[in-house]
Amino acid sequence: MTNRIRPADPADPARPGTRGLPALELAARPRPWLHALALTAVVLVGAWLGLLIVGNVRAPVGPMNTTMALRPSLSGGTKINVSPLGALTLDSHVAPLRLDVNVDQLDPLRSQALVDHPERISGLQDEVARDVEHGTLDLALRSCVAVVAGATALGLAVYRSPRRALTAGGLALALLAASGASAYATWNPKSILEPKFSGLLSSAPSVVGNARSIVTEFNVYQQELARLVTNVTKLYDVTSTLPAYQPDPSTIRVLHVSDIHLNPASWKIIASLVEQYKVNVIVDSGDTMDHGTAAENGFLDPIRDLGVPYVWVRGNHDSRVTQRYLQRMKNVHVLDDGRAQTVAGLRFAGIGDPQFTPDRSVVPGGNAAEQLAGDRLASALRDQKAAGTPVDVAIAHEPSAARETDGEVPLVLCGHLHHEGDEMLPYGTRLRMEGSTGGSGLRAVEHKYPAPIEASILYFDRDSHRLQAWDAIKLGGLGETTAEVSRHLADENRPRSTPSRSTPSPSSATSSAPAP
């Protein structure tokens, strides 16, 4: 009988040395979900990096030159960033990608056309919708290249395998195609008609297209600027770097403003300055309006609530209609043709601008007309002096008219050029030119940087009626939150000692602060 030998079982308890030992596992179990998760991460990160690095396109949107890009998002939509004015958010589509449109700059020709022809604003919405749609098509093609390149490059770096890298690139393209299909299926071109605004754009009439809202919908920006003025003023009050001039309670404080140009935010700033500096009288050297139409007259109504007298002369953007409207206000003193009035202890005389050019046209012989107006004002000043009622402060809108008063008055105030300046004229008259208290109005966005908002507090001795010092106040323009207050002393009020280089100049010291 043949005995068959059975192969020993490694786990046979009868086998020597194996009693009670479990069978050994020779290979680890595969985990496919880890590979899928890693590949998904490579695809998503690679596609995002590709979009971030090379997935941008430049395209015009209305009057703006923009950069468009796709970014991951849970809600989709379109966001148009118009720095520093704010942003528009459109519910344009539903997809895991958001279209970002960043404004690089305003095109000078197209933006100027909107400023000069406000009626074109009505068609701006349709133009923006078309531009966004065309830019999106260009962006889609570039984004396809970007996500494939990004995912493929990252896959090759991680796996060191061309096959897996191409798989990652293909999946990224499929993901972008699915997102694009979702965006296309849910695309809503009418979303431009119902945008969500943030920042200053929540009330910008050049975008909203409702001129009547310019007074009523600027509240947030007005309040923030007024709060900024208040806080900077408090800082200024306690700083130790300013010249040693301390106005006493009897000092007459005059707030000089000019060239508001229909900016409603100016009224909040003016009201804050009146309160913080205990202003006795406001002097407005013109261009309060933009076109001088009767429809704009309601913009002037906040003057009634400022609580102090308001001395005003006509600028070249102010009409006779504007002047008659202001003359009916109890606290307003309209000065024209050299007329003089004593207000808050000082005697003022002024003349309106002889030109009316709301479209900023150049009138032949315009400068000669300004000089003639200045001559009439100088003649009126001489008459006042001969009558024993000398004028303390003369007011004109245009600097060329103001210069004609040299030698006839201690101080003449003007505006027009939208920047602050101070000059001693040859015959002893000081010319103080104010910047734009409206930040040039809607024209602030015409240039690369928004125009600043400027005003001045003038300090007069109550007995001599002479200017002792002035504080020049400058706020950042539209959308900006910076402020600067500088004090300047009149020549006769400057300290005789010369300070060292490490100390501020005695005639001009500055206190500045960021937004609160």
Protein backbone atom coordinates (compact mmCIF):
# COMPACT_ATOMS: atom_id res chain seq x y z
CA MET A 1 0.00 0.00 0.00
CA THR A 2 1.43 3.34 -1.15
CA ASN A 3 1.41 6.20 1.36
CA ARG A 4 0.69 9.66 -0.13
CA ILE A 5 2.40 12.57 1.52
CA ARG A 6 0.14 15.67 1.87
CA PRO A 7 1.83 19.10 1.55
CA ALA A 8 2.12 20.78 4.83
CA ASP A 9 -0.32 23.60 5.50
CA PRO A 10 1.57 26.68 6.74
CA ALA A 11 -1.15 27.28 9.23
CA ASP A 12 -1.58 23.67 10.23
CA PRO A 13 -1.58 23.49 13.99
CA ALA A 14 0.09 20.09 13.71
CA ARG A 15 3.07 21.52 11.92
CA PRO A 16 5.94 22.20 14.23
CA GLY A 17 6.51 25.86 14.94
CA THR A 18 3.10 26.97 13.57
CA ARG A 19 0.73 26.12 16.33
CA GLY A 20 -1.61 29.06 17.09
CA LEU A 21 -0.12 31.48 14.46
CA PRO A 22 -2.43 33.20 11.92
CA ALA A 23 -1.75 33.08 8.19
CA LEU A 24 0.60 35.82 7.01
CA GLU A 25 -0.82 38.46 4.61
CA LEU A 26 1.69 38.71 1.76
CA ALA A 27 0.39 41.96 0.07
CA ALA A 28 -1.39 45.15 1.22
CA ARG A 29 -4.97 45.59 0.05
CA PRO A 30 -5.35 48.24 -2.68
CA ARG A 31 -7.19 51.51 -1.73
CA PRO A 32 -8.62 53.02 -4.96
CA TRP A 33 -10.48 55.83 -3.20
CA LEU A 34 -7.17 57.33 -2.04
CA HIS A 35 -5.91 57.42 -5.62
CA ALA A 36 -9.13 59.05 -6.80
CA LEU A 37 -8.99 61.65 -4.02
CA ALA A 38 -5.37 62.49 -4.82
CA LEU A 39 -6.12 62.80 -8.53
CA THR A 40 -9.09 65.06 -7.79
CA ALA A 41 -6.91 67.31 -5.67
CA VAL A 42 -4.30 67.50 -8.42
CA VAL A 43 -6.96 68.36 -11.01
CA LEU A 44 -8.58 71.09 -8.88
CA VAL A 45 -5.36 72.69 -7.65
CA GLY A 46 -3.73 72.52 -11.06
CA ALA A 47 -6.75 74.02 -12.81
CA TRP A 48 -6.96 76.84 -10.24
CA LEU A 49 -3.26 77.62 -10.59
CA GLY A 50 -3.61 77.67 -14.36
CA LEU A 51 -6.52 80.11 -14.16
CA LEU A 52 -4.65 82.25 -11.64
CA ILE A 53 -1.44 82.51 -13.67
CA VAL A 54 -2.48 82.62 -17.32
CA GLY A 55 -6.28 82.67 -17.29
CA ASN A 56 -6.78 86.45 -17.57
CA VAL A 57 -7.88 88.46 -20.60
CA ARG A 58 -8.11 92.23 -21.15
CA ALA A 59 -11.38 93.52 -22.55
CA PRO A 60 -13.30 96.84 -22.68
CA VAL A 61 -16.51 97.07 -20.63
CA GLY A 62 -18.39 100.29 -21.35
CA PRO A 63 -16.05 103.23 -20.65
CA MET A 64 -13.61 100.99 -18.75
CA ASN A 65 -10.55 98.95 -19.68
CA THR A 66 -10.80 95.74 -17.70
CA THR A 67 -9.11 92.44 -16.87
CA MET A 68 -11.41 89.39 -16.82
CA ALA A 69 -10.75 86.14 -14.96
CA LEU A 70 -12.57 83.01 -13.81
CA ARG A 71 -12.37 82.09 -10.13
CA PRO A 72 -13.79 79.15 -8.13
CA SER A 73 -17.09 80.00 -6.47
CA LEU A 74 -19.99 78.23 -4.82
CA SER A 75 -22.64 80.59 -6.18
CA GLY A 76 -21.27 81.70 -9.56
CA GLY A 77 -22.29 85.11 -10.89
CA THR A 78 -20.24 88.06 -12.12
CA LYS A 79 -18.40 90.64 -10.03
CA ILE A 80 -17.20 93.91 -11.59
CA ASN A 81 -14.66 95.64 -9.34
CA VAL A 82 -14.40 99.39 -10.05
CA SER A 83 -11.61 100.48 -7.70
CA PRO A 84 -11.80 102.74 -5.77
CA LEU A 85 -15.53 103.25 -6.29
CA GLY A 86 -16.76 99.79 -5.24
CA ALA A 87 -18.21 96.80 -7.09
CA LEU A 88 -21.22 95.52 -9.02
CA THR A 89 -22.35 91.93 -8.44
CA LEU A 90 -24.54 90.35 -11.11
CA ASP A 91 -26.53 87.10 -10.83
CA SER A 92 -25.46 86.26 -14.36
CA HIS A 93 -25.18 82.46 -14.07
CA VAL A 94 -25.13 79.49 -11.70
CA ALA A 95 -21.91 77.45 -11.83
CA PRO A 96 -18.88 76.66 -9.64
CA LEU A 97 -17.02 79.48 -11.39
CA ARG A 98 -17.38 83.26 -10.89
CA LEU A 99 -16.49 85.80 -13.53
CA ASP A 100 -14.33 88.59 -12.07
CA VAL A 101 -14.02 91.84 -14.01
CA ASN A 102 -11.40 94.20 -12.55
CA VAL A 103 -11.34 97.74 -13.88
CA ASP A 104 -7.77 98.80 -14.68
CA GLN A 105 -8.60 102.37 -15.73
CA LEU A 106 -11.24 104.52 -17.33
CA ASP A 107 -10.82 105.16 -21.02
CA PRO A 108 -10.39 108.96 -21.25
CA LEU A 109 -12.39 109.38 -24.46
CA ARG A 110 -15.30 107.14 -23.49
CA SER A 111 -15.57 108.44 -19.92
CA GLN A 112 -15.34 112.05 -21.13
CA ALA A 113 -18.19 111.37 -23.55
CA LEU A 114 -20.38 110.20 -20.66
CA VAL A 115 -19.55 113.28 -18.57
CA ASP A 116 -20.23 115.68 -21.42
CA HIS A 117 -23.35 113.85 -22.66
CA PRO A 118 -25.26 112.40 -19.68
CA GLU A 119 -28.05 111.27 -22.00
CA ARG A 120 -25.77 108.47 -23.18
CA ILE A 121 -25.95 106.86 -19.74
CA SER A 122 -29.34 105.35 -20.66
CA GLY A 123 -27.63 103.00 -23.15
CA LEU A 124 -24.73 102.15 -20.88
CA GLN A 125 -26.40 99.07 -19.40
CA ASP A 126 -26.85 97.38 -22.78
CA GLU A 127 -23.31 98.25 -23.80
CA VAL A 128 -21.88 96.77 -20.61
CA ALA A 129 -23.93 93.57 -21.10
CA ARG A 130 -22.60 93.12 -24.62
CA ASP A 131 -19.02 93.78 -23.61
CA VAL A 132 -19.20 91.33 -20.71
CA GLU A 133 -20.64 88.64 -23.01
CA HIS A 134 -17.94 89.12 -25.67
CA GLY A 135 -15.20 89.19 -23.08
CA THR A 136 -16.54 86.02 -21.53
CA LEU A 137 -16.24 84.14 -24.85
CA ASP A 138 -12.60 85.17 -25.19
CA LEU A 139 -12.00 84.23 -21.58
CA ALA A 140 -13.55 80.76 -22.11
CA LEU A 141 -11.00 79.88 -24.80
CA ARG A 142 -8.06 81.08 -22.74
CA SER A 143 -9.38 79.34 -19.63
CA CYS A 144 -9.52 75.99 -21.47
CA VAL A 145 -5.80 76.28 -22.22
CA ALA A 146 -5.09 77.47 -18.68
CA VAL A 147 -6.81 74.62 -16.81
CA VAL A 148 -5.40 71.91 -19.09
CA ALA A 149 -1.88 73.29 -18.83
CA GLY A 150 -2.12 73.79 -15.06
CA ALA A 151 -3.54 70.36 -14.24
CA THR A 152 -1.18 68.57 -16.67
CA ALA A 153 1.90 70.33 -15.29
CA LEU A 154 0.95 69.60 -11.68
CA GLY A 155 0.09 65.99 -12.53
CA LEU A 156 3.47 65.50 -14.14
CA ALA A 157 5.20 67.02 -11.10
CA VAL A 158 3.30 64.80 -8.65
CA TYR A 159 3.08 61.45 -10.50
CA ARG A 160 6.15 61.62 -12.77
CA SER A 161 3.98 59.85 -15.32
CA PRO A 162 2.92 61.40 -18.65
CA ARG A 163 -0.15 59.17 -18.79
CA ARG A 164 -1.43 60.29 -15.42
CA ALA A 165 -0.54 63.91 -16.18
CA LEU A 166 -2.61 63.80 -19.39
CA THR A 167 -5.43 62.18 -17.44
CA ALA A 168 -5.38 65.09 -14.98
CA GLY A 169 -5.43 67.59 -17.85
CA GLY A 170 -8.35 65.83 -19.51
CA LEU A 171 -10.34 65.75 -16.29
CA ALA A 172 -9.68 69.46 -15.73
CA LEU A 173 -10.96 70.23 -19.23
CA ALA A 174 -14.04 68.10 -18.62
CA LEU A 175 -14.69 69.90 -15.33
CA LEU A 176 -14.38 73.31 -17.02
CA ALA A 177 -16.66 72.16 -19.85
CA ALA A 178 -19.30 71.01 -17.35
CA SER A 179 -19.06 74.33 -15.49
CA GLY A 180 -19.31 76.21 -18.78
CA ALA A 181 -22.36 74.22 -19.79
CA SER A 182 -24.00 75.04 -16.47
CA ALA A 183 -23.18 78.74 -16.89
CA TYR A 184 -24.49 78.74 -20.46
CA ALA A 185 -27.71 76.99 -19.47
CA THR A 186 -28.34 79.48 -16.64
CA TRP A 187 -26.96 82.62 -18.35
CA ASN A 188 -29.11 85.64 -17.54
CA PRO A 189 -28.29 88.68 -19.73
CA LYS A 190 -30.92 90.74 -17.88
CA SER A 191 -28.91 90.54 -14.67
CA ILE A 192 -27.19 93.79 -15.63
CA LEU A 193 -30.52 95.52 -15.09
CA GLU A 194 -30.62 94.45 -11.43
CA PRO A 195 -27.04 94.66 -10.13
CA LYS A 196 -26.10 94.65 -6.49
CA PHE A 197 -23.89 97.65 -5.71
CA SER A 198 -21.27 97.99 -3.02
CA GLY A 199 -19.03 100.87 -2.04
CA LEU A 200 -19.52 104.25 -3.63
CA LEU A 201 -21.17 102.71 -6.70
CA SER A 202 -24.28 102.11 -4.60
CA SER A 203 -25.22 105.66 -5.47
CA ALA A 204 -23.07 106.74 -8.40
CA PRO A 205 -25.42 108.38 -10.93
CA SER A 206 -23.05 107.66 -13.82
CA VAL A 207 -23.83 103.95 -13.37
CA VAL A 208 -27.30 103.95 -11.88
CA GLY A 209 -28.54 106.47 -14.41
CA ASN A 210 -30.93 108.27 -12.08
CA ALA A 211 -29.88 111.89 -11.68
CA ARG A 212 -32.45 112.52 -8.95
CA SER A 213 -30.74 110.00 -6.65
CA ILE A 214 -27.54 112.06 -6.45
CA VAL A 215 -28.84 113.91 -3.39
CA THR A 216 -30.68 111.11 -1.62
CA GLU A 217 -28.51 108.01 -2.12
CA PHE A 218 -25.04 109.17 -1.09
CA ASN A 219 -25.69 108.74 2.62
CA VAL A 220 -23.08 106.11 3.43
CA TYR A 221 -20.21 107.93 1.76
CA GLN A 222 -21.32 111.27 3.20
CA GLN A 223 -21.43 109.92 6.74
CA GLU A 224 -18.06 108.19 6.46
CA LEU A 225 -16.38 111.35 5.17
CA ALA A 226 -18.02 113.43 7.88
CA ARG A 227 -16.85 110.95 10.52
CA LEU A 228 -13.36 111.08 9.06
CA VAL A 229 -13.34 114.88 9.28
CA THR A 230 -14.51 114.72 12.90
CA ASN A 231 -11.87 112.23 13.99
CA VAL A 232 -9.02 113.97 12.18
CA THR A 233 -10.10 117.28 13.69
CA LYS A 234 -9.95 115.78 17.18
CA LEU A 235 -6.51 114.40 16.45
CA TYR A 236 -5.44 117.80 15.16
CA ASP A 237 -6.65 119.51 18.32
CA VAL A 238 -4.25 117.53 20.55
CA THR A 239 -1.20 117.25 18.31
CA SER A 240 1.99 118.98 19.45
CA THR A 241 3.59 119.45 16.01
CA LEU A 242 1.54 122.45 14.91
CA PRO A 243 2.69 126.07 15.19
CA ALA A 244 2.08 127.87 18.43
CA TYR A 245 -1.01 129.77 17.34
CA GLN A 246 -4.01 129.16 19.56
CA PRO A 247 -7.23 130.87 18.44
CA ASP A 248 -9.14 132.24 21.39
CA PRO A 249 -12.93 132.14 21.75
CA SER A 250 -13.23 135.62 20.23
CA THR A 251 -11.45 134.63 17.00
CA ILE A 252 -13.65 134.81 13.91
CA ARG A 253 -13.57 131.48 12.09
CA VAL A 254 -14.38 131.47 8.36
CA LEU A 255 -14.82 128.26 6.38
CA HIS A 256 -13.73 128.75 2.76
CA VAL A 257 -15.18 126.27 0.24
CA SER A 258 -15.26 126.34 -3.53
CA ASP A 259 -16.05 124.31 -6.67
CA ILE A 260 -18.44 121.84 -5.04
CA HIS A 261 -19.70 120.87 -8.52
CA LEU A 262 -22.89 119.17 -7.42
CA ASN A 263 -21.25 116.68 -5.05
CA PRO A 264 -23.78 116.00 -2.25
CA ALA A 265 -21.08 114.49 -0.02
CA SER A 266 -19.73 118.03 0.40
CA TRP A 267 -22.65 119.11 2.59
CA LYS A 268 -21.86 116.45 5.22
CA ILE A 269 -18.21 117.50 5.23
CA ILE A 270 -19.11 121.19 5.53
CA ALA A 271 -21.57 120.51 8.35
CA SER A 272 -18.93 118.52 10.22
CA LEU A 273 -16.35 121.29 9.82
CA VAL A 274 -18.85 123.92 10.99
CA GLU A 275 -19.48 121.92 14.15
CA GLN A 276 -15.90 120.87 14.91
CA TYR A 277 -14.30 124.28 14.28
CA LYS A 278 -17.16 126.41 15.62
CA VAL A 279 -17.31 128.24 12.29
CA ASN A 280 -18.91 131.71 12.27
CA VAL A 281 -19.44 132.13 8.52
CA ILE A 282 -18.99 130.11 5.31
CA VAL A 283 -17.57 131.66 2.12
CA ASP A 284 -18.29 129.85 -1.16
CA SER A 285 -16.27 131.19 -4.09
CA GLY A 286 -18.46 129.65 -6.77
CA ASP A 287 -19.06 126.68 -9.08
CA THR A 288 -21.43 125.16 -6.55
CA MET A 289 -23.41 123.73 -9.45
CA ASP A 290 -22.40 121.89 -12.60
CA HIS A 291 -24.77 123.09 -15.32
CA GLY A 292 -26.74 125.81 -13.51
CA THR A 293 -30.15 124.42 -14.49
CA ALA A 294 -33.32 124.91 -12.47
CA ALA A 295 -33.51 121.11 -12.01
CA GLU A 296 -30.31 121.30 -9.96
CA ASN A 297 -31.64 123.91 -7.50
CA GLY A 298 -32.81 121.33 -4.99
CA PHE A 299 -29.17 120.41 -4.46
CA LEU A 300 -28.69 123.74 -2.65
CA ASP A 301 -31.36 123.15 0.00
CA PRO A 302 -28.97 121.74 2.67
CA ILE A 303 -27.43 125.24 2.93
CA ARG A 304 -30.48 126.27 4.98
CA ASP A 305 -29.60 123.71 7.67
CA LEU A 306 -25.92 124.57 8.14
CA GLY A 307 -26.79 126.97 10.96
CA VAL A 308 -24.36 129.77 9.97
CA PRO A 309 -24.36 132.58 7.37
CA TYR A 310 -23.36 131.54 3.86
CA VAL A 311 -21.58 134.13 1.66
CA TRP A 312 -21.63 133.17 -2.04
CA VAL A 313 -20.39 134.47 -5.39
CA ARG A 314 -21.30 133.05 -8.79
CA GLY A 315 -18.86 130.80 -10.66
CA ASN A 316 -18.74 130.02 -14.36
CA HIS A 317 -20.84 126.86 -13.77
CA ASP A 318 -23.48 128.80 -11.80
CA SER A 319 -26.30 130.52 -13.65
CA ARG A 320 -28.43 133.53 -12.82
CA VAL A 321 -31.18 130.99 -12.08
CA THR A 322 -28.91 129.51 -9.41
CA GLN A 323 -28.17 132.97 -8.02
CA ARG A 324 -31.84 133.94 -7.73
CA TYR A 325 -32.62 130.66 -5.94
CA LEU A 326 -29.91 131.31 -3.35
CA GLN A 327 -31.00 134.92 -2.84
CA ARG A 328 -34.31 133.64 -1.46
CA MET A 329 -32.57 131.76 1.38
CA LYS A 330 -32.47 133.69 4.65
CA ASN A 331 -28.95 132.70 5.70
CA VAL A 332 -27.37 133.25 2.25
CA HIS A 333 -25.63 136.50 1.30
CA VAL A 334 -25.15 136.68 -2.48
CA LEU A 335 -22.45 139.17 -3.46
CA ASP A 336 -22.21 140.53 -7.00
CA ASP A 337 -21.04 143.66 -8.84
CA GLY A 338 -18.82 144.64 -5.90
CA ARG A 339 -21.64 144.63 -3.36
CA ALA A 340 -20.38 144.67 0.25
CA GLN A 341 -21.98 143.27 3.39
CA THR A 342 -20.88 142.86 7.00
CA VAL A 343 -21.38 139.26 8.11
CA ALA A 344 -20.25 137.74 11.43
CA GLY A 345 -18.10 140.79 12.19
CA LEU A 346 -16.22 140.89 8.86
CA ARG A 347 -16.95 143.02 5.82
CA PHE A 348 -17.09 141.07 2.55
CA ALA A 349 -17.38 142.26 -1.04
CA GLY A 350 -17.57 140.10 -4.15
CA ILE A 351 -18.40 139.81 -7.83
CA GLY A 352 -19.87 136.93 -9.82
CA ASP A 353 -18.03 135.35 -12.70
CA PRO A 354 -18.89 137.25 -15.92
CA GLN A 355 -18.80 134.01 -17.92
CA PHE A 356 -21.29 131.14 -17.88
CA THR A 357 -19.63 128.07 -19.42
CA PRO A 358 -21.22 124.93 -17.96
CA ASP A 359 -19.90 122.89 -20.89
CA ARG A 360 -16.34 124.10 -20.15
CA SER A 361 -16.15 125.83 -23.49
CA VAL A 362 -13.58 128.57 -24.13
CA VAL A 363 -15.21 131.93 -24.69
CA PRO A 364 -13.30 134.35 -26.96
CA GLY A 365 -11.94 137.20 -24.86
CA GLY A 366 -12.78 135.31 -21.67
CA ASN A 367 -9.67 136.35 -19.77
CA ALA A 368 -10.25 139.99 -20.65
CA ALA A 369 -13.78 139.69 -19.29
CA GLU A 370 -12.41 138.29 -16.01
CA GLN A 371 -9.94 141.14 -15.69
CA LEU A 372 -12.70 143.67 -16.35
CA ALA A 373 -14.78 142.07 -13.59
CA GLY A 374 -11.78 142.30 -11.30
CA ASP A 375 -11.42 146.00 -12.15
CA ARG A 376 -15.07 146.60 -11.21
CA LEU A 377 -14.53 144.80 -7.92
CA ALA A 378 -11.37 146.86 -7.22
CA SER A 379 -13.29 150.07 -7.98
CA ALA A 380 -16.03 149.04 -5.53
CA LEU A 381 -13.38 148.34 -2.89
CA ARG A 382 -11.96 151.83 -3.33
CA ASP A 383 -15.44 153.30 -2.98
CA GLN A 384 -16.00 151.39 0.25
CA LYS A 385 -12.68 152.60 1.63
CA ALA A 386 -13.51 156.22 0.72
CA ALA A 387 -16.87 155.87 2.47
CA GLY A 388 -15.15 154.78 5.68
CA THR A 389 -16.34 151.15 5.46
CA PRO A 390 -13.23 149.32 4.20
CA VAL A 391 -13.67 145.71 3.09
CA ASP A 392 -11.83 142.98 4.97
CA VAL A 393 -12.24 140.14 2.47
CA ALA A 394 -12.90 140.29 -1.28
CA ILE A 395 -14.28 137.29 -3.18
CA ALA A 396 -14.12 136.33 -6.86
CA HIS A 397 -14.30 132.98 -8.58
CA GLU A 398 -11.52 133.29 -11.13
CA PRO A 399 -7.94 134.00 -9.92
CA SER A 400 -7.30 136.45 -12.79
CA ALA A 401 -10.21 138.55 -11.55
CA ALA A 402 -9.04 138.28 -7.94
CA ARG A 403 -5.57 139.58 -8.82
CA GLU A 404 -7.02 142.90 -9.98
CA THR A 405 -7.87 143.74 -6.34
CA ASP A 406 -4.21 143.88 -5.32
CA GLY A 407 -3.59 146.79 -2.99
CA GLU A 408 -7.27 147.47 -2.34
CA VAL A 409 -8.01 144.80 0.28
CA PRO A 410 -5.95 142.74 2.78
CA LEU A 411 -7.29 139.37 1.55
CA VAL A 412 -9.00 138.08 -1.59
CA LEU A 413 -10.49 134.57 -1.91
CA CYS A 414 -11.04 132.62 -5.13
CA GLY A 415 -11.26 129.09 -6.57
CA HIS A 416 -11.79 127.73 -10.09
CA LEU A 417 -8.51 125.85 -10.61
CA HIS A 418 -9.37 122.95 -8.27
CA HIS A 419 -6.18 123.15 -6.24
CA GLU A 420 -5.22 125.07 -3.12
CA GLY A 421 -2.76 127.95 -3.23
CA ASP A 422 -1.55 131.03 -1.36
CA GLU A 423 0.25 134.05 -2.78
CA MET A 424 1.28 137.52 -1.64
CA LEU A 425 0.56 139.92 -4.51
CA PRO A 426 2.98 142.78 -5.31
CA TYR A 427 0.96 145.50 -3.53
CA GLY A 428 0.35 143.59 -0.31
CA THR A 429 -2.92 141.71 -0.89
CA ARG A 430 -2.90 138.04 0.05
CA LEU A 431 -4.59 135.77 -2.52
CA ARG A 432 -6.01 132.55 -1.08
CA MET A 433 -7.16 130.04 -3.71
CA GLU A 434 -9.27 127.10 -2.55
CA GLY A 435 -9.28 123.64 -4.08
CA SER A 436 -12.45 121.73 -4.97
CA THR A 437 -14.59 121.00 -1.90
CA GLY A 438 -16.54 118.62 -4.13
CA GLY A 439 -13.45 116.73 -5.27
CA SER A 440 -14.21 118.05 -8.80
CA GLY A 441 -17.66 116.43 -8.62
CA LEU A 442 -18.26 113.60 -11.07
CA ARG A 443 -15.21 114.71 -13.01
CA ALA A 444 -13.09 113.23 -10.21
CA VAL A 445 -12.95 109.91 -12.10
CA GLU A 446 -11.59 111.40 -15.32
CA HIS A 447 -7.96 111.03 -14.30
CA LYS A 448 -5.81 108.21 -12.94
CA TYR A 449 -6.27 109.36 -9.35
CA PRO A 450 -9.44 110.93 -7.91
CA ALA A 451 -9.26 114.63 -7.11
CA PRO A 452 -8.98 115.43 -3.38
CA ILE A 453 -11.66 117.25 -1.39
CA GLU A 454 -10.28 120.53 -0.03
CA ALA A 455 -11.46 123.31 2.29
CA SER A 456 -9.85 125.84 4.64
CA ILE A 457 -10.56 127.34 8.06
CA LEU A 458 -9.45 130.99 8.21
CA TYR A 459 -8.80 132.61 11.61
CA PHE A 460 -9.37 136.39 11.91
CA ASP A 461 -8.63 138.68 14.83
CA ARG A 462 -11.93 140.17 15.96
CA ASP A 463 -10.46 143.62 16.63
CA SER A 464 -8.15 144.17 13.65
CA HIS A 465 -10.10 141.90 11.24
CA ARG A 466 -6.75 140.64 9.94
CA LEU A 467 -6.03 137.03 8.96
CA GLN A 468 -3.95 135.36 11.68
CA ALA A 469 -3.68 131.77 10.42
CA TRP A 470 -5.48 129.16 8.37
CA ASP A 471 -5.91 125.39 8.40
CA ALA A 472 -5.81 123.66 5.02
CA ILE A 473 -7.90 120.47 5.07
CA LYS A 474 -7.48 117.80 2.40
CA LEU A 475 -9.43 114.55 2.18
CA GLY A 476 -8.81 111.69 -0.21
CA GLY A 477 -11.01 111.76 -3.32
CA LEU A 478 -13.90 109.46 -4.24
CA GLY A 479 -13.59 106.15 -2.43
CA GLU A 480 -10.39 107.07 -0.57
CA THR A 481 -10.15 107.36 3.22
CA THR A 482 -7.15 109.58 3.97
CA ALA A 483 -7.06 113.03 5.49
CA GLU A 484 -4.55 115.79 6.16
CA VAL A 485 -4.79 119.00 8.17
CA SER A 486 -2.00 121.59 7.93
CA ARG A 487 -1.73 124.91 9.77
CA HIS A 488 -0.24 128.01 8.17
CA LEU A 489 0.55 131.31 9.88
CA ALA A 490 0.21 134.73 8.30
CA ASP A 491 3.56 136.49 7.81
CA GLU A 492 2.99 138.97 10.60
CA ASN A 493 2.10 136.15 12.99
CA ARG A 494 5.12 133.95 12.40
CA PRO A 495 7.66 133.37 15.19
CA ARG A 496 10.89 135.29 14.66
CA SER A 497 13.16 132.45 15.67
CA THR A 498 14.24 130.01 12.98
CA PRO A 499 13.60 126.38 13.90
CA SER A 500 16.07 123.59 13.33
CA ARG A 501 15.69 121.27 10.39
CA SER A 502 14.31 118.52 12.58
CA THR A 503 11.21 120.54 13.50
CA PRO A 504 8.26 121.45 11.27
CA SER A 505 8.31 124.72 9.41
CA PRO A 506 6.68 127.48 11.49
CA SER A 507 4.50 128.49 8.57
CA SER A 508 3.22 125.07 7.70
CA ALA A 509 2.91 122.01 9.89
CA THR A 510 0.86 118.96 9.12
CA SER A 511 -1.12 116.37 11.02
CA SER A 512 -2.34 113.42 9.04
CA ALA A 513 -4.18 110.23 9.91
CA PRO A 514 -5.56 107.15 8.20
CA ALA A 515 -9.23 106.39 8.18
CA PRO A 516 -10.69 105.52 11.56
